[in-house]
Amino acid sequence: MTVSMTPEAIVLAGACGVEEAEILLAALLDHPTLPVDVAALSGAHLAVVQVLRAAARPLAGKPQHPLLQRLL
């Protein structure tokens, strides 16, 4: 699974497909104070990017892909 939890952050790793957007949204709603760690994120469907941007949550790290770095 590309969306996981640690005590410190919601972690996105690998390539997050469209199905991860709903999982990410649920994690963001369930844990409103946690940042999102995108350091291991190598790719993301636009739906995942939209959820992240709409949440306006602090991000930890930088995604691996240059386009994602600019979008997030």
PDB file of N, CA and C in Angstrom:
ATOM      1  N   MET A   1       0.845  -1.176   0.000  1.00  0.00           N
ATOM      2  CA  MET A   1       0.000   0.000   0.000  1.00  0.00           C
ATOM      3  C   MET A   1       0.891   1.240   0.000  1.00  0.00           C
ATOM      4  N   THR A   2       0.518   2.234  -0.743  1.00  0.00           N
ATOM      5  CA  THR A   2       1.349   3.423  -0.861  1.00  0.00           C
ATOM      6  C   THR A   2       1.006   4.498   0.166  1.00  0.00           C
ATOM      7  N   VAL A   3      -0.112   4.366   0.851  1.00  0.00           N
ATOM      8  CA  VAL A   3      -0.471   5.291   1.926  1.00  0.00           C
ATOM      9  C   VAL A   3      -0.367   4.526   3.233  1.00  0.00           C
ATOM     10  N   SER A   4       0.447   5.023   4.143  1.00  0.00           N
ATOM     11  CA  SER A   4       0.593   4.368   5.448  1.00  0.00           C
ATOM     12  C   SER A   4       0.697   5.428   6.531  1.00  0.00           C
ATOM     13  N   MET A   5       0.657   4.970   7.762  1.00  0.00           N
ATOM     14  CA  MET A   5       0.686   5.878   8.914  1.00  0.00           C
ATOM     15  C   MET A   5       1.873   5.563   9.801  1.00  0.00           C
ATOM     16  N   THR A   6       2.457   6.611  10.352  1.00  0.00           N
ATOM     17  CA  THR A   6       3.403   6.490  11.448  1.00  0.00           C
ATOM     18  C   THR A   6       2.872   7.414  12.544  1.00  0.00           C
ATOM     19  N   PRO A   7       3.417   7.349  13.736  1.00  0.00           N
ATOM     20  CA  PRO A   7       2.960   8.281  14.765  1.00  0.00           C
ATOM     21  C   PRO A   7       3.228   9.750  14.416  1.00  0.00           C
ATOM     22  N   GLU A   8       4.205   9.974  13.511  1.00  0.00           N
ATOM     23  CA  GLU A   8       4.601  11.342  13.177  1.00  0.00           C
ATOM     24  C   GLU A   8       3.988  11.886  11.900  1.00  0.00           C
ATOM     25  N   ALA A   9       3.502  11.010  10.992  1.00  0.00           N
ATOM     26  CA  ALA A   9       3.050  11.500   9.686  1.00  0.00           C
ATOM     27  C   ALA A   9       2.213  10.476   8.941  1.00  0.00           C
ATOM     28  N   ILE A  10       1.480  10.985   7.954  1.00  0.00           N
ATOM     29  CA  ILE A  10       0.857  10.157   6.930  1.00  0.00           C
ATOM     30  C   ILE A  10       1.922  10.032   5.842  1.00  0.00           C
ATOM     31  N   VAL A  11       2.266   8.819   5.463  1.00  0.00           N
ATOM     32  CA  VAL A  11       3.386   8.588   4.550  1.00  0.00           C
ATOM     33  C   VAL A  11       2.870   8.124   3.189  1.00  0.00           C
ATOM     34  N   LEU A  12       3.331   8.809   2.140  1.00  0.00           N
ATOM     35  CA  LEU A  12       3.046   8.394   0.767  1.00  0.00           C
ATOM     36  C   LEU A  12       4.338   7.863   0.172  1.00  0.00           C
ATOM     37  N   ALA A  13       4.297   6.645  -0.382  1.00  0.00           N
ATOM     38  CA  ALA A  13       5.506   6.026  -0.922  1.00  0.00           C
ATOM     39  C   ALA A  13       5.194   5.376  -2.267  1.00  0.00           C
ATOM     40  N   GLY A  14       6.189   5.383  -3.134  1.00  0.00           N
ATOM     41  CA  GLY A  14       6.030   4.762  -4.437  1.00  0.00           C
ATOM     42  C   GLY A  14       5.129   5.583  -5.338  1.00  0.00           C
ATOM     43  N   ALA A  15       4.400   4.897  -6.196  1.00  0.00           N
ATOM     44  CA  ALA A  15       3.477   5.549  -7.127  1.00  0.00           C
ATOM     45  C   ALA A  15       2.058   5.395  -6.585  1.00  0.00           C
ATOM     46  N   CYS A  16       1.442   6.509  -6.235  1.00  0.00           N
ATOM     47  CA  CYS A  16       0.083   6.500  -5.692  1.00  0.00           C
ATOM     48  C   CYS A  16      -0.923   6.615  -6.827  1.00  0.00           C
ATOM     49  N   GLY A  17      -1.717   5.585  -7.006  1.00  0.00           N
ATOM     50  CA  GLY A  17      -2.727   5.580  -8.046  1.00  0.00           C
ATOM     51  C   GLY A  17      -4.004   6.265  -7.603  1.00  0.00           C
ATOM     52  N   VAL A  18      -4.961   6.312  -8.511  1.00  0.00           N
ATOM     53  CA  VAL A  18      -6.223   6.995  -8.236  1.00  0.00           C
ATOM     54  C   VAL A  18      -6.936   6.392  -7.032  1.00  0.00           C
ATOM     55  N   GLU A  19      -6.809   5.077  -6.838  1.00  0.00           N
ATOM     56  CA  GLU A  19      -7.487   4.431  -5.713  1.00  0.00           C
ATOM     57  C   GLU A  19      -6.948   4.906  -4.363  1.00  0.00           C
ATOM     58  N   GLU A  20      -5.740   5.451  -4.335  1.00  0.00           N
ATOM     59  CA  GLU A  20      -5.159   5.953  -3.090  1.00  0.00           C
ATOM     60  C   GLU A  20      -5.727   7.315  -2.680  1.00  0.00           C
ATOM     61  N   ALA A  21      -6.382   8.018  -3.580  1.00  0.00           N
ATOM     62  CA  ALA A  21      -6.921   9.345  -3.254  1.00  0.00           C
ATOM     63  C   ALA A  21      -7.943   9.253  -2.126  1.00  0.00           C
ATOM     64  N   GLU A  22      -8.830   8.281  -2.194  1.00  0.00           N
ATOM     65  CA  GLU A  22      -9.846   8.124  -1.152  1.00  0.00           C
ATOM     66  C   GLU A  22      -9.226   7.692   0.174  1.00  0.00           C
ATOM     67  N   ILE A  23      -8.233   6.805   0.112  1.00  0.00           N
ATOM     68  CA  ILE A  23      -7.532   6.358   1.319  1.00  0.00           C
ATOM     69  C   ILE A  23      -6.804   7.532   1.963  1.00  0.00           C
ATOM     70  N   LEU A  24      -6.149   8.348   1.128  1.00  0.00           N
ATOM     71  CA  LEU A  24      -5.446   9.524   1.636  1.00  0.00           C
ATOM     72  C   LEU A  24      -6.423  10.498   2.276  1.00  0.00           C
ATOM     73  N   LEU A  25      -7.544  10.755   1.624  1.00  0.00           N
ATOM     74  CA  LEU A  25      -8.535  11.674   2.185  1.00  0.00           C
ATOM     75  C   LEU A  25      -9.027  11.188   3.549  1.00  0.00           C
ATOM     76  N   ALA A  26      -9.301   9.902   3.664  1.00  0.00           N
ATOM     77  CA  ALA A  26      -9.742   9.345   4.948  1.00  0.00           C
ATOM     78  C   ALA A  26      -8.674   9.527   6.022  1.00  0.00           C
ATOM     79  N   ALA A  27      -7.417   9.287   5.668  1.00  0.00           N
ATOM     80  CA  ALA A  27      -6.320   9.461   6.635  1.00  0.00           C
ATOM     81  C   ALA A  27      -6.198  10.918   7.061  1.00  0.00           C
ATOM     82  N   LEU A  28      -6.341  11.825   6.113  1.00  0.00           N
ATOM     83  CA  LEU A  28      -6.262  13.256   6.439  1.00  0.00           C
ATOM     84  C   LEU A  28      -7.399  13.672   7.367  1.00  0.00           C
ATOM     85  N   LEU A  29      -8.594  13.165   7.128  1.00  0.00           N
ATOM     86  CA  LEU A  29      -9.737  13.503   7.977  1.00  0.00           C
ATOM     87  C   LEU A  29      -9.625  12.874   9.361  1.00  0.00           C
ATOM     88  N   ASP A  30      -9.095  11.658   9.420  1.00  0.00           N
ATOM     89  CA  ASP A  30      -8.951  10.961  10.704  1.00  0.00           C
ATOM     90  C   ASP A  30      -7.817  11.516  11.563  1.00  0.00           C
ATOM     91  N   HIS A  31      -6.825  12.140  10.923  1.00  0.00           N
ATOM     92  CA  HIS A  31      -5.649  12.649  11.634  1.00  0.00           C
ATOM     93  C   HIS A  31      -5.373  14.094  11.190  1.00  0.00           C
ATOM     94  N   PRO A  32      -6.189  15.041  11.665  1.00  0.00           N
ATOM     95  CA  PRO A  32      -6.123  16.416  11.160  1.00  0.00           C
ATOM     96  C   PRO A  32      -4.860  17.191  11.519  1.00  0.00           C
ATOM     97  N   THR A  33      -4.038  16.682  12.406  1.00  0.00           N
ATOM     98  CA  THR A  33      -2.835  17.433  12.790  1.00  0.00           C
ATOM     99  C   THR A  33      -1.546  16.871  12.204  1.00  0.00           C
ATOM    100  N   LEU A  34      -1.603  15.700  11.596  1.00  0.00           N
ATOM    101  CA  LEU A  34      -0.380  15.089  11.078  1.00  0.00           C
ATOM    102  C   LEU A  34       0.035  15.685   9.737  1.00  0.00           C
ATOM    103  N   PRO A  35       1.337  15.908   9.550  1.00  0.00           N
ATOM    104  CA  PRO A  35       1.826  16.306   8.225  1.00  0.00           C
ATOM    105  C   PRO A  35       1.834  15.092   7.294  1.00  0.00           C
ATOM    106  N   VAL A  36       2.088  15.345   6.027  1.00  0.00           N
ATOM    107  CA  VAL A  36       2.174  14.275   5.036  1.00  0.00           C
ATOM    108  C   VAL A  36       3.618  14.168   4.575  1.00  0.00           C
ATOM    109  N   ASP A  37       4.191  12.982   4.742  1.00  0.00           N
ATOM    110  CA  ASP A  37       5.568  12.727   4.331  1.00  0.00           C
ATOM    111  C   ASP A  37       5.563  12.244   2.889  1.00  0.00           C
ATOM    112  N   VAL A  38       6.135  13.048   1.986  1.00  0.00           N
ATOM    113  CA  VAL A  38       6.149  12.717   0.560  1.00  0.00           C
ATOM    114  C   VAL A  38       7.557  12.404   0.054  1.00  0.00           C
ATOM    115  N   ALA A  39       8.498  12.202   0.952  1.00  0.00           N
ATOM    116  CA  ALA A  39       9.893  11.971   0.568  1.00  0.00           C
ATOM    117  C   ALA A  39      10.066  10.717  -0.284  1.00  0.00           C
ATOM    118  N   ALA A  40       9.243   9.702  -0.087  1.00  0.00           N
ATOM    119  CA  ALA A  40       9.368   8.460  -0.849  1.00  0.00           C
ATOM    120  C   ALA A  40       8.367   8.379  -1.997  1.00  0.00           C
ATOM    121  N   LEU A  41       7.668   9.472  -2.277  1.00  0.00           N
ATOM    122  CA  LEU A  41       6.671   9.499  -3.346  1.00  0.00           C
ATOM    123  C   LEU A  41       7.356   9.625  -4.700  1.00  0.00           C
ATOM    124  N   SER A  42       7.145   8.629  -5.561  1.00  0.00           N
ATOM    125  CA  SER A  42       7.790   8.653  -6.879  1.00  0.00           C
ATOM    126  C   SER A  42       6.827   9.047  -7.986  1.00  0.00           C
ATOM    127  N   GLY A  43       5.536   8.934  -7.736  1.00  0.00           N
ATOM    128  CA  GLY A  43       4.536   9.296  -8.722  1.00  0.00           C
ATOM    129  C   GLY A  43       3.182   9.385  -8.057  1.00  0.00           C
ATOM    130  N   ALA A  44       2.273  10.170  -8.650  1.00  0.00           N
ATOM    131  CA  ALA A  44       0.947  10.311  -8.053  1.00  0.00           C
ATOM    132  C   ALA A  44      -0.069  10.657  -9.128  1.00  0.00           C
ATOM    133  N   HIS A  45      -1.216  10.008  -9.049  1.00  0.00           N
ATOM    134  CA  HIS A  45      -2.332  10.348  -9.911  1.00  0.00           C
ATOM    135  C   HIS A  45      -2.775  11.768  -9.565  1.00  0.00           C
ATOM    136  N   LEU A  46      -3.335  12.470 -10.536  1.00  0.00           N
ATOM    137  CA  LEU A  46      -3.762  13.844 -10.308  1.00  0.00           C
ATOM    138  C   LEU A  46      -4.779  13.934  -9.173  1.00  0.00           C
ATOM    139  N   ALA A  47      -5.591  12.914  -8.968  1.00  0.00           N
ATOM    140  CA  ALA A  47      -6.552  12.922  -7.863  1.00  0.00           C
ATOM    141  C   ALA A  47      -5.839  13.000  -6.511  1.00  0.00           C
ATOM    142  N   VAL A  48      -4.725  12.313  -6.381  1.00  0.00           N
ATOM    143  CA  VAL A  48      -3.935  12.354  -5.140  1.00  0.00           C
ATOM    144  C   VAL A  48      -3.351  13.751  -4.958  1.00  0.00           C
ATOM    145  N   VAL A  49      -2.844  14.334  -6.028  1.00  0.00           N
ATOM    146  CA  VAL A  49      -2.296  15.696  -5.972  1.00  0.00           C
ATOM    147  C   VAL A  49      -3.392  16.675  -5.558  1.00  0.00           C
ATOM    148  N   GLN A  50      -4.590  16.525  -6.112  1.00  0.00           N
ATOM    149  CA  GLN A  50      -5.691  17.430  -5.772  1.00  0.00           C
ATOM    150  C   GLN A  50      -6.078  17.317  -4.302  1.00  0.00           C
ATOM    151  N   VAL A  51      -6.105  16.100  -3.774  1.00  0.00           N
ATOM    152  CA  VAL A  51      -6.424  15.913  -2.353  1.00  0.00           C
ATOM    153  C   VAL A  51      -5.365  16.596  -1.490  1.00  0.00           C
ATOM    154  N   LEU A  52      -4.102  16.412  -1.839  1.00  0.00           N
ATOM    155  CA  LEU A  52      -3.022  17.040  -1.067  1.00  0.00           C
ATOM    156  C   LEU A  52      -3.109  18.559  -1.116  1.00  0.00           C
ATOM    157  N   ARG A  53      -3.352  19.105  -2.291  1.00  0.00           N
ATOM    158  CA  ARG A  53      -3.427  20.569  -2.418  1.00  0.00           C
ATOM    159  C   ARG A  53      -4.642  21.124  -1.696  1.00  0.00           C
ATOM    160  N   ALA A  54      -5.775  20.440  -1.786  1.00  0.00           N
ATOM    161  CA  ALA A  54      -6.983  20.906  -1.116  1.00  0.00           C
ATOM    162  C   ALA A  54      -6.834  20.846   0.402  1.00  0.00           C
ATOM    163  N   ALA A  55      -6.121  19.848   0.891  1.00  0.00           N
ATOM    164  CA  ALA A  55      -5.935  19.700   2.336  1.00  0.00           C
ATOM    165  C   ALA A  55      -5.023  20.786   2.900  1.00  0.00           C
ATOM    166  N   ALA A  56      -4.117  21.296   2.067  1.00  0.00           N
ATOM    167  CA  ALA A  56      -3.170  22.330   2.494  1.00  0.00           C
ATOM    168  C   ALA A  56      -2.429  21.924   3.765  1.00  0.00           C
ATOM    169  N   ARG A  57      -2.109  20.657   3.857  1.00  0.00           N
ATOM    170  CA  ARG A  57      -1.408  20.102   5.018  1.00  0.00           C
ATOM    171  C   ARG A  57       0.089  20.306   4.847  1.00  0.00           C
ATOM    172  N   PRO A  58       0.823  20.551   5.923  1.00  0.00           N
ATOM    173  CA  PRO A  58       2.287  20.640   5.807  1.00  0.00           C
ATOM    174  C   PRO A  58       2.860  19.344   5.243  1.00  0.00           C
ATOM    175  N   LEU A  59       3.849  19.500   4.359  1.00  0.00           N
ATOM    176  CA  LEU A  59       4.507  18.344   3.755  1.00  0.00           C
ATOM    177  C   LEU A  59       5.890  18.168   4.349  1.00  0.00           C
ATOM    178  N   ALA A  60       6.259  16.919   4.580  1.00  0.00           N
ATOM    179  CA  ALA A  60       7.607  16.591   5.041  1.00  0.00           C
ATOM    180  C   ALA A  60       8.352  15.987   3.869  1.00  0.00           C
ATOM    181  N   GLY A  61       9.532  16.488   3.592  1.00  0.00           N
ATOM    182  CA  GLY A  61      10.337  15.980   2.488  1.00  0.00           C
ATOM    183  C   GLY A  61       9.872  16.512   1.151  1.00  0.00           C
ATOM    184  N   LYS A  62      10.559  16.053   0.112  1.00  0.00           N
ATOM    185  CA  LYS A  62      10.218  16.419  -1.260  1.00  0.00           C
ATOM    186  C   LYS A  62       9.946  15.142  -2.042  1.00  0.00           C
ATOM    187  N   PRO A  63       8.941  15.171  -2.923  1.00  0.00           N
ATOM    188  CA  PRO A  63       8.718  13.996  -3.768  1.00  0.00           C
ATOM    189  C   PRO A  63       9.917  13.760  -4.679  1.00  0.00           C
ATOM    190  N   GLN A  64      10.075  12.534  -5.137  1.00  0.00           N
ATOM    191  CA  GLN A  64      11.218  12.189  -5.978  1.00  0.00           C
ATOM    192  C   GLN A  64      11.115  12.774  -7.376  1.00  0.00           C
ATOM    193  N   HIS A  65       9.904  12.892  -7.903  1.00  0.00           N
ATOM    194  CA  HIS A  65       9.727  13.361  -9.279  1.00  0.00           C
ATOM    195  C   HIS A  65       9.714  14.888  -9.329  1.00  0.00           C
ATOM    196  N   PRO A  66      10.490  15.504 -10.246  1.00  0.00           N
ATOM    197  CA  PRO A  66      10.536  16.969 -10.338  1.00  0.00           C
ATOM    198  C   PRO A  66       9.183  17.631 -10.574  1.00  0.00           C
ATOM    199  N   LEU A  67       8.308  17.016 -11.374  1.00  0.00           N
ATOM    200  CA  LEU A  67       6.990  17.598 -11.614  1.00  0.00           C
ATOM    201  C   LEU A  67       6.175  17.621 -10.319  1.00  0.00           C
ATOM    202  N   LEU A  68       6.242  16.547  -9.556  1.00  0.00           N
ATOM    203  CA  LEU A  68       5.532  16.528  -8.277  1.00  0.00           C
ATOM    204  C   LEU A  68       6.084  17.570  -7.314  1.00  0.00           C
ATOM    205  N   GLN A  69       7.387  17.790  -7.361  1.00  0.00           N
ATOM    206  CA  GLN A  69       7.985  18.827  -6.515  1.00  0.00           C
ATOM    207  C   GLN A  69       7.373  20.190  -6.828  1.00  0.00           C
ATOM    208  N   ARG A  70       7.146  20.456  -8.106  1.00  0.00           N
ATOM    209  CA  ARG A  70       6.565  21.746  -8.498  1.00  0.00           C
ATOM    210  C   ARG A  70       5.080  21.818  -8.161  1.00  0.00           C
ATOM    211  N   LEU A  71       4.359  20.709  -8.331  1.00  0.00           N
ATOM    212  CA  LEU A  71       2.912  20.708  -8.084  1.00  0.00           C
ATOM    213  C   LEU A  71       2.565  20.804  -6.606  1.00  0.00           C
ATOM    214  N   LEU A  72       3.412  20.228  -5.772  1.00  0.00           N
ATOM    215  CA  LEU A  72       3.111  20.205  -4.350  1.00  0.00           C
ATOM    216  C   LEU A  72       3.854  21.302  -3.629  1.00  0.00           C
TER     217      LEU A  72
END
